[in-house]
């Protein structure tokens, strides 16, 4: 089930699973949004690029993220009948094709419609959870999770949060995400041109932090740690890459404004560059010396695997799924949440030691290639399917 139009991190993970499921054992179908006025959405284009997938265009109706029932109904009424008809057709498609597994995310339309379609179609439903499971998840989604036959967390941290909400531990499995290595082959990058673009002096260190601008990603803690680092490296540059997440703190001050105010307060404007959204994040990370993102309770952190595959050591927090991705002392350095001085010390440790950075970069690359890859992830998901169907 791929109900959302946009192609986000969870969609990327599911596309990788579809790509790598063993076709000698699995036939793969995907329900994707119908084309709108002849135009294909981003998720539709991405799924269609996966070889040997049977596509079933579906009208999923309006988003169910709307919290107000009245507001949802006002938006939904004109689209209810086409969506209901399309979803009933999808259930018939599942039954007619003898599909045995319906795999969806915890997104409301995926989870709610997925459990219904699986029930009507005679299949079993797997809900793949990409966030820490807590009571903020709407009740209808939590009920759908209760009806699912298997629940997958993108890390043992997420799987543990699902169990903590009271779900049957026998139904819950942690499956670490994996990077699509074929898309991350080594490429030539003019790192000097990138460094010149952002005014990085010759020989000066460059730190990159790339994510949506959102308080839980921890950019404010990174900035708070910089004065100690700048005292040792006055020409240091830090690229804060990304744009504000409008869903992050509705009605509150934009997080980018909070970060800019912190730069003013700490006299960091000479050292920090807000790049906005960039399509060349891979190139920016390649030009960097260290990747830093002290995000709080990160469910997994795909960007860490990307930096590690590029042989860049990571500075992050010792909590959430991060510690299952970044090995402290091997592929990066992890500090305790809220310990800003330790973030500064970790940055200084890496920036002061070229050999340490190279060694950690090599260890990170090895860890991604050997463990945090999409083929291993798909194998783990196959085993979840097999246990579910046998049980």
Protein backbone atom coordinates (compact mmCIF):
# COMPACT_ATOMS: atom_id res chain seq x y z
CA UNK A 1 0.00 0.00 0.00
CA UNK A 2 1.44 3.37 -1.05
CA UNK A 3 -1.36 5.85 -0.41
CA UNK A 4 0.64 9.08 -0.11
CA UNK A 5 1.54 11.14 -3.18
CA UNK A 6 4.95 12.23 -1.92
CA UNK A 7 7.96 9.97 -1.87
CA UNK A 8 9.39 10.25 1.62
CA UNK A 9 11.80 8.15 3.66
CA UNK A 10 9.20 5.47 4.45
CA UNK A 11 8.20 5.22 0.78
CA UNK A 12 11.87 4.82 -0.12
CA UNK A 13 12.20 1.95 2.36
CA UNK A 14 9.12 0.17 1.01
CA UNK A 15 10.30 0.61 -2.59
CA UNK A 16 13.60 -1.05 -1.61
CA UNK A 17 11.75 -3.94 0.00
CA UNK A 18 9.66 -4.39 -3.15
CA UNK A 19 12.80 -4.30 -5.29
CA UNK A 20 14.64 -6.98 -3.32
CA UNK A 21 11.94 -9.50 -2.42
CA UNK A 22 12.90 -12.86 -3.94
CA UNK A 23 10.82 -13.14 -7.14
CA UNK A 24 11.18 -16.91 -7.10
CA UNK A 25 9.13 -16.89 -3.91
CA UNK A 26 7.12 -13.65 -3.98
CA UNK A 27 4.90 -11.91 -6.53
CA UNK A 28 4.80 -8.19 -5.77
CA UNK A 29 1.84 -5.85 -6.30
CA UNK A 30 1.54 -2.22 -5.25
CA UNK A 31 -1.55 -0.04 -4.83
CA UNK A 32 -0.55 3.52 -5.74
CA UNK A 33 -2.50 6.79 -6.19
CA UNK A 34 -4.25 7.26 -9.53
CA UNK A 35 -2.79 9.80 -11.92
CA UNK A 36 -4.27 13.26 -11.51
CA UNK A 37 -5.11 14.93 -14.83
CA UNK A 38 -2.59 12.74 -16.57
CA UNK A 39 0.23 13.54 -14.13
CA UNK A 40 1.91 10.94 -11.98
CA UNK A 41 2.79 11.82 -8.41
CA UNK A 42 6.30 11.32 -7.03
CA UNK A 43 5.49 8.05 -5.26
CA UNK A 44 3.86 6.62 -8.39
CA UNK A 45 6.89 7.44 -10.49
CA UNK A 46 9.24 5.86 -7.94
CA UNK A 47 7.24 2.64 -7.56
CA UNK A 48 6.88 2.26 -11.33
CA UNK A 49 10.69 2.36 -11.56
CA UNK A 50 10.93 -0.84 -9.47
CA UNK A 51 11.25 -3.86 -11.78
CA UNK A 52 8.65 -6.63 -11.83
CA UNK A 53 5.94 -4.96 -9.73
CA UNK A 54 2.27 -5.23 -10.68
CA UNK A 55 0.71 -1.78 -10.37
CA UNK A 56 -2.87 -1.23 -9.17
CA UNK A 57 -3.88 2.47 -9.42
CA UNK A 58 -6.21 3.30 -6.53
CA UNK A 59 -8.28 6.27 -5.40
CA UNK A 60 -7.40 6.60 -1.71
CA UNK A 61 -9.57 9.68 -1.17
CA UNK A 62 -8.51 12.65 0.96
CA UNK A 63 -5.81 12.47 3.61
CA UNK A 64 -6.95 11.18 7.01
CA UNK A 65 -4.41 13.33 8.86
CA UNK A 66 -7.22 15.85 9.52
CA UNK A 67 -8.03 15.63 13.22
CA UNK A 68 -11.44 17.33 13.15
CA UNK A 69 -14.22 14.93 12.12
CA UNK A 70 -16.31 17.83 10.80
CA UNK A 71 -13.41 19.23 8.80
CA UNK A 72 -12.59 15.80 7.44
CA UNK A 73 -16.18 15.18 6.38
CA UNK A 74 -16.45 18.57 4.64
CA UNK A 75 -13.35 17.78 2.63
CA UNK A 76 -14.16 14.11 2.14
CA UNK A 77 -17.83 14.03 1.10
CA UNK A 78 -17.25 14.85 -2.61
CA UNK A 79 -14.60 12.13 -2.77
CA UNK A 80 -16.18 9.44 -0.59
CA UNK A 81 -17.99 7.34 -3.18
CA UNK A 82 -15.13 7.14 -5.71
CA UNK A 83 -12.68 6.23 -2.94
CA UNK A 84 -15.00 3.61 -1.39
CA UNK A 85 -15.63 2.07 -4.79
CA UNK A 86 -11.91 2.04 -5.59
CA UNK A 87 -11.00 0.46 -2.23
CA UNK A 88 -13.67 -2.22 -2.63
CA UNK A 89 -12.16 -2.86 -6.03
CA UNK A 90 -8.75 -3.15 -4.41
CA UNK A 91 -10.10 -5.73 -1.94
CA UNK A 92 -11.54 -7.72 -4.87
CA UNK A 93 -8.18 -7.40 -6.63
CA UNK A 94 -6.48 -8.86 -3.54
CA UNK A 95 -8.94 -11.76 -3.38
CA UNK A 96 -8.90 -12.44 -7.13
CA UNK A 97 -5.09 -12.41 -7.33
CA UNK A 98 -4.88 -14.55 -4.17
CA UNK A 99 -2.62 -12.00 -2.52
CA UNK A 100 -1.74 -13.25 0.95
CA UNK A 101 0.01 -10.22 2.50
CA UNK A 102 -0.99 -6.55 2.56
CA UNK A 103 2.02 -4.49 3.70
CA UNK A 104 1.46 -0.86 4.71
CA UNK A 105 2.93 1.92 6.85
CA UNK A 106 1.47 3.50 9.97
CA UNK A 107 0.18 6.42 7.88
CA UNK A 108 -3.60 6.64 8.56
CA UNK A 109 -4.83 5.74 5.07
CA UNK A 110 -2.27 2.96 4.70
CA UNK A 111 -2.97 1.40 8.09
CA UNK A 112 -6.75 1.84 8.26
CA UNK A 113 -7.51 0.95 4.64
CA UNK A 114 -4.83 -1.75 4.64
CA UNK A 115 -6.42 -3.70 7.48
CA UNK A 116 -9.88 -3.41 5.87
CA UNK A 117 -8.65 -4.41 2.41
CA UNK A 118 -6.75 -7.36 3.89
CA UNK A 119 -9.82 -8.52 5.80
CA UNK A 120 -12.15 -8.23 2.80
CA UNK A 121 -9.56 -9.73 0.46
CA UNK A 122 -8.73 -12.73 2.64
CA UNK A 123 -5.14 -11.62 3.26
CA UNK A 124 -3.07 -10.83 6.33
CA UNK A 125 -1.96 -7.30 7.14
CA UNK A 126 1.53 -6.13 8.13
CA UNK A 127 1.90 -2.58 9.45
CA UNK A 128 5.44 -1.20 9.16
CA UNK A 129 5.97 1.48 11.81
CA UNK A 130 8.53 4.20 11.01
CA UNK A 131 8.08 6.36 14.13
CA UNK A 132 8.22 5.83 17.88
CA UNK A 133 4.83 4.38 18.79
CA UNK A 134 3.11 6.55 21.38
CA UNK A 135 -0.41 7.63 22.29
CA UNK A 136 -0.20 10.63 19.92
CA UNK A 137 -0.83 8.16 17.09
CA UNK A 138 -4.53 8.54 16.37
CA UNK A 139 -6.83 5.95 17.91
CA UNK A 140 -8.07 4.54 14.60
CA UNK A 141 -4.48 3.77 13.57
CA UNK A 142 -3.73 2.14 16.94
CA UNK A 143 -6.84 0.00 16.52
CA UNK A 144 -5.69 -0.97 13.02
CA UNK A 145 -2.33 -1.97 14.52
CA UNK A 146 -4.24 -4.18 16.94
CA UNK A 147 -5.98 -5.93 14.02
CA UNK A 148 -2.77 -6.38 12.02
CA UNK A 149 -1.24 -9.86 12.00
CA UNK A 150 2.33 -8.51 12.23
CA UNK A 151 3.95 -5.24 13.25
CA UNK A 152 7.42 -4.22 12.07
CA UNK A 153 9.49 -1.46 13.70
CA UNK A 154 12.31 0.18 11.74
CA UNK A 155 14.60 -0.44 14.72
CA UNK A 156 14.48 -2.38 17.95
CA UNK A 157 13.84 1.00 19.61
CA UNK A 158 10.64 1.42 17.58
CA UNK A 159 9.69 -2.24 18.05
CA UNK A 160 10.10 -1.79 21.81
CA UNK A 161 7.85 1.27 21.76
CA UNK A 162 5.15 -0.81 20.01
CA UNK A 163 5.38 -3.49 22.69
CA UNK A 164 5.25 -0.80 25.38
CA UNK A 165 1.88 0.33 23.99
CA UNK A 166 0.52 -3.10 24.86
CA UNK A 167 0.64 -4.95 21.54
CA UNK A 168 1.29 -8.68 21.50
CA UNK A 169 5.10 -9.06 21.59
CA UNK A 170 4.82 -12.17 19.43
CA UNK A 171 3.52 -10.00 16.58
CA UNK A 172 6.26 -7.36 16.82
CA UNK A 173 9.63 -7.52 15.04
CA UNK A 174 12.40 -4.98 14.67
CA UNK A 175 13.82 -4.82 11.14
CA UNK A 176 16.61 -2.30 10.65
CA UNK A 177 16.26 -0.14 7.56
CA UNK A 178 18.76 -0.57 4.77
CA UNK A 179 20.43 1.71 2.24
CA UNK A 180 19.95 1.01 -1.47
CA UNK A 181 23.62 0.46 -2.26
CA UNK A 182 23.10 0.45 -6.04
CA UNK A 183 21.95 4.06 -5.77
CA UNK A 184 24.93 5.01 -3.60
CA UNK A 185 27.88 3.96 -5.69
CA UNK A 186 30.98 6.15 -5.45
CA UNK A 187 30.97 9.17 -7.72
CA UNK A 188 33.40 11.96 -8.47
CA UNK A 189 32.54 15.14 -6.58
CA UNK A 190 34.31 18.49 -6.93
CA UNK A 191 34.59 19.02 -3.20
CA UNK A 192 36.75 22.12 -3.60
CA UNK A 193 34.04 23.81 -5.69
CA UNK A 194 31.48 23.07 -2.98
CA UNK A 195 33.73 24.42 -0.27
CA UNK A 196 34.36 27.59 -2.30
CA UNK A 197 30.61 28.04 -2.81
CA UNK A 198 30.13 28.31 0.95
CA UNK A 199 33.29 30.28 1.68
CA UNK A 200 35.18 27.50 3.43
CA UNK A 201 38.79 28.60 3.79
CA UNK A 202 41.51 26.22 2.54
CA UNK A 203 42.21 23.64 5.23
CA UNK A 204 39.26 24.76 7.39
CA UNK A 205 36.92 22.05 8.73
CA UNK A 206 33.40 21.64 7.35
CA UNK A 207 30.48 20.09 9.26
CA UNK A 208 27.21 19.24 7.53
CA UNK A 209 23.84 18.68 9.20
CA UNK A 210 21.07 17.81 6.73
CA UNK A 211 17.45 17.16 7.67
CA UNK A 212 14.13 18.92 7.87
CA UNK A 213 14.33 21.83 10.29
CA UNK A 214 12.45 20.50 13.27
CA UNK A 215 13.19 20.72 16.99
CA UNK A 216 13.58 16.98 17.50
CA UNK A 217 16.37 16.91 14.91
CA UNK A 218 18.48 18.80 17.45
CA UNK A 219 20.01 21.58 15.34
CA UNK A 220 19.72 23.93 18.34
CA UNK A 221 21.97 21.65 20.41
CA UNK A 222 24.48 21.49 17.57
CA UNK A 223 24.60 25.30 17.41
CA UNK A 224 24.88 25.56 21.19
CA UNK A 225 27.97 23.30 21.04
CA UNK A 226 29.74 25.36 18.39
CA UNK A 227 31.31 28.22 20.43
CA UNK A 228 33.80 25.78 22.01
CA UNK A 229 34.57 24.33 18.58
CA UNK A 230 34.97 27.74 16.95
CA UNK A 231 37.40 28.75 19.70
CA UNK A 232 39.68 25.96 18.46
CA UNK A 233 38.82 26.31 14.73
CA UNK A 234 37.91 29.95 14.00
CA UNK A 235 37.39 29.27 10.27
CA UNK A 236 34.98 26.38 10.87
CA UNK A 237 31.92 26.26 8.60
CA UNK A 238 28.70 24.44 9.45
CA UNK A 239 26.04 23.89 6.79
CA UNK A 240 22.50 23.58 8.16
CA UNK A 241 20.81 21.94 5.19
CA UNK A 242 17.03 21.70 4.94
CA UNK A 243 13.78 23.62 5.16
CA UNK A 244 11.23 24.15 7.92
CA UNK A 245 8.80 21.31 8.47
CA UNK A 246 5.34 22.98 8.56
CA UNK A 247 4.00 19.96 10.46
CA UNK A 248 6.64 20.29 13.16
CA UNK A 249 5.26 23.00 15.44
CA UNK A 250 2.01 24.38 13.98
CA UNK A 251 1.21 27.88 15.18
CA UNK A 252 4.67 28.36 16.72
CA UNK A 253 7.63 30.41 15.58
CA UNK A 254 9.42 28.91 12.60
CA UNK A 255 12.25 26.73 13.79
CA UNK A 256 14.64 28.28 11.25
CA UNK A 257 13.99 31.66 12.91
CA UNK A 258 14.78 30.12 16.31
CA UNK A 259 18.06 28.78 14.93
CA UNK A 260 18.98 32.09 13.30
CA UNK A 261 18.28 33.88 16.58
CA UNK A 262 20.58 31.42 18.35
CA UNK A 263 23.32 32.18 15.82
CA UNK A 264 22.93 35.89 16.57
CA UNK A 265 23.06 35.25 20.30
CA UNK A 266 26.17 33.03 20.08
CA UNK A 267 27.93 35.16 17.45
CA UNK A 268 27.99 32.28 14.95
CA UNK A 269 26.80 34.02 11.79
CA UNK A 270 30.28 33.91 10.31
CA UNK A 271 30.48 30.16 10.83
CA UNK A 272 26.97 28.88 10.10
CA UNK A 273 25.27 28.80 6.68
CA UNK A 274 21.58 28.01 6.27
CA UNK A 275 21.42 26.51 2.79
CA UNK A 276 17.69 25.82 2.62
CA UNK A 277 16.48 22.74 0.74
CA UNK A 278 19.16 21.25 -1.52
CA UNK A 279 19.03 18.47 -4.09
CA UNK A 280 22.78 17.79 -3.75
CA UNK A 281 22.95 16.64 -0.14
CA UNK A 282 25.13 13.69 -1.10
CA UNK A 283 27.69 16.03 -2.63
CA UNK A 284 27.60 18.33 0.40
CA UNK A 285 28.23 15.41 2.74
CA UNK A 286 31.08 14.21 0.52
CA UNK A 287 32.72 17.64 0.86
CA UNK A 288 32.37 17.60 4.66
CA UNK A 289 34.67 16.32 7.38
CA UNK A 290 31.95 15.31 9.84
CA UNK A 291 28.20 14.70 9.68
CA UNK A 292 26.41 15.95 12.81
CA UNK A 293 22.74 15.60 13.77
CA UNK A 294 21.95 15.29 17.51
CA UNK A 295 18.34 14.26 16.92
CA UNK A 296 16.33 13.13 19.94
CA UNK A 297 14.91 9.58 19.83
CA UNK A 298 15.49 9.23 16.11
CA UNK A 299 13.47 6.16 15.03
CA UNK A 300 16.31 5.00 12.77
CA UNK A 301 18.14 7.77 10.89
CA UNK A 302 18.63 6.89 7.20
CA UNK A 303 20.82 9.97 6.82
CA UNK A 304 23.34 8.36 9.18
CA UNK A 305 23.67 5.36 6.86
CA UNK A 306 24.17 7.75 3.94
CA UNK A 307 26.94 9.65 5.72
CA UNK A 308 28.54 6.41 6.85
CA UNK A 309 28.48 5.00 3.33
CA UNK A 310 30.27 8.16 2.22
CA UNK A 311 32.91 7.41 4.88
CA UNK A 312 31.98 10.37 7.05
CA UNK A 313 32.07 9.92 10.85
CA UNK A 314 28.84 10.80 12.64
CA UNK A 315 28.20 12.91 15.74
CA UNK A 316 24.78 12.15 17.21
CA UNK A 317 22.92 11.17 20.40
CA UNK A 318 23.09 7.92 22.31
CA UNK A 319 19.35 7.22 22.25
CA UNK A 320 16.51 6.10 20.00
CA UNK A 321 17.40 4.01 16.99
CA UNK A 322 20.60 5.97 16.41
CA UNK A 323 22.71 3.70 18.60
CA UNK A 324 21.58 0.70 16.52
CA UNK A 325 22.93 2.45 13.41
CA UNK A 326 26.03 4.34 14.60
CA UNK A 327 28.48 2.32 16.70
CA UNK A 328 29.96 4.64 19.31
CA UNK A 329 33.71 4.78 18.99
CA UNK A 330 33.71 2.99 15.63
CA UNK A 331 31.54 4.79 13.06
CA UNK A 332 30.93 7.90 15.14
CA UNK A 333 30.70 9.47 18.57
CA UNK A 334 27.46 9.58 20.55
CA UNK A 335 26.64 11.89 23.46
CA UNK A 336 23.89 11.69 26.02
CA UNK A 337 20.74 13.74 25.32
CA UNK A 338 21.07 17.31 26.58
CA UNK A 339 24.83 17.09 27.08
CA UNK A 340 25.87 19.97 24.83
CA UNK A 341 29.48 20.10 26.14
CA UNK A 342 29.89 16.45 25.16
CA UNK A 343 28.69 17.23 21.63
CA UNK A 344 31.38 19.90 21.47
CA UNK A 345 34.02 17.49 22.77
CA UNK A 346 33.03 14.86 20.22
CA UNK A 347 33.25 17.36 17.38
CA UNK A 348 36.67 18.53 18.57
CA UNK A 349 37.91 14.94 18.94
CA UNK A 350 37.09 14.23 15.31
CA UNK A 351 38.20 17.54 13.84
CA UNK A 352 41.54 17.30 15.66
CA UNK A 353 42.38 13.83 14.31
CA UNK A 354 42.45 13.12 10.55
CA UNK A 355 43.43 9.48 11.09
CA UNK A 356 40.52 8.91 13.49
CA UNK A 357 38.09 10.38 10.97
CA UNK A 358 39.42 8.12 8.23
CA UNK A 359 39.26 5.05 10.46
CA UNK A 360 35.70 5.79 11.60
CA UNK A 361 34.69 6.56 8.03
CA UNK A 362 35.99 3.18 6.88
CA UNK A 363 34.21 1.39 9.75
CA UNK A 364 30.96 3.18 8.92
CA UNK A 365 31.20 2.23 5.25
CA UNK A 366 31.85 -1.40 6.19
CA UNK A 367 28.87 -1.47 8.56
CA UNK A 368 26.48 -0.18 5.90
CA UNK A 369 27.74 -2.57 3.22
CA UNK A 370 27.66 -5.61 5.51
CA UNK A 371 24.53 -4.93 7.59
CA UNK A 372 22.60 -1.73 6.90
CA UNK A 373 21.73 -2.56 3.29
CA UNK A 374 18.41 -3.07 1.52
CA UNK A 375 19.03 -6.72 0.58
CA UNK A 376 19.39 -7.73 4.25
CA UNK A 377 16.32 -5.64 5.10
CA UNK A 378 14.20 -7.43 2.47
CA UNK A 379 15.42 -10.82 3.71
CA UNK A 380 14.32 -9.90 7.24
CA UNK A 381 10.90 -8.80 5.97
CA UNK A 382 10.53 -12.09 4.07
CA UNK A 383 11.04 -13.95 7.35
CA UNK A 384 8.31 -11.82 8.99
CA UNK A 385 5.92 -12.79 6.18
CA UNK A 386 6.77 -16.47 6.54
CA UNK A 387 6.27 -16.51 10.31
CA UNK A 388 2.99 -14.63 9.98
CA UNK A 389 1.61 -16.93 7.31
CA UNK A 390 2.67 -20.00 9.22
CA UNK A 391 1.23 -18.76 12.51
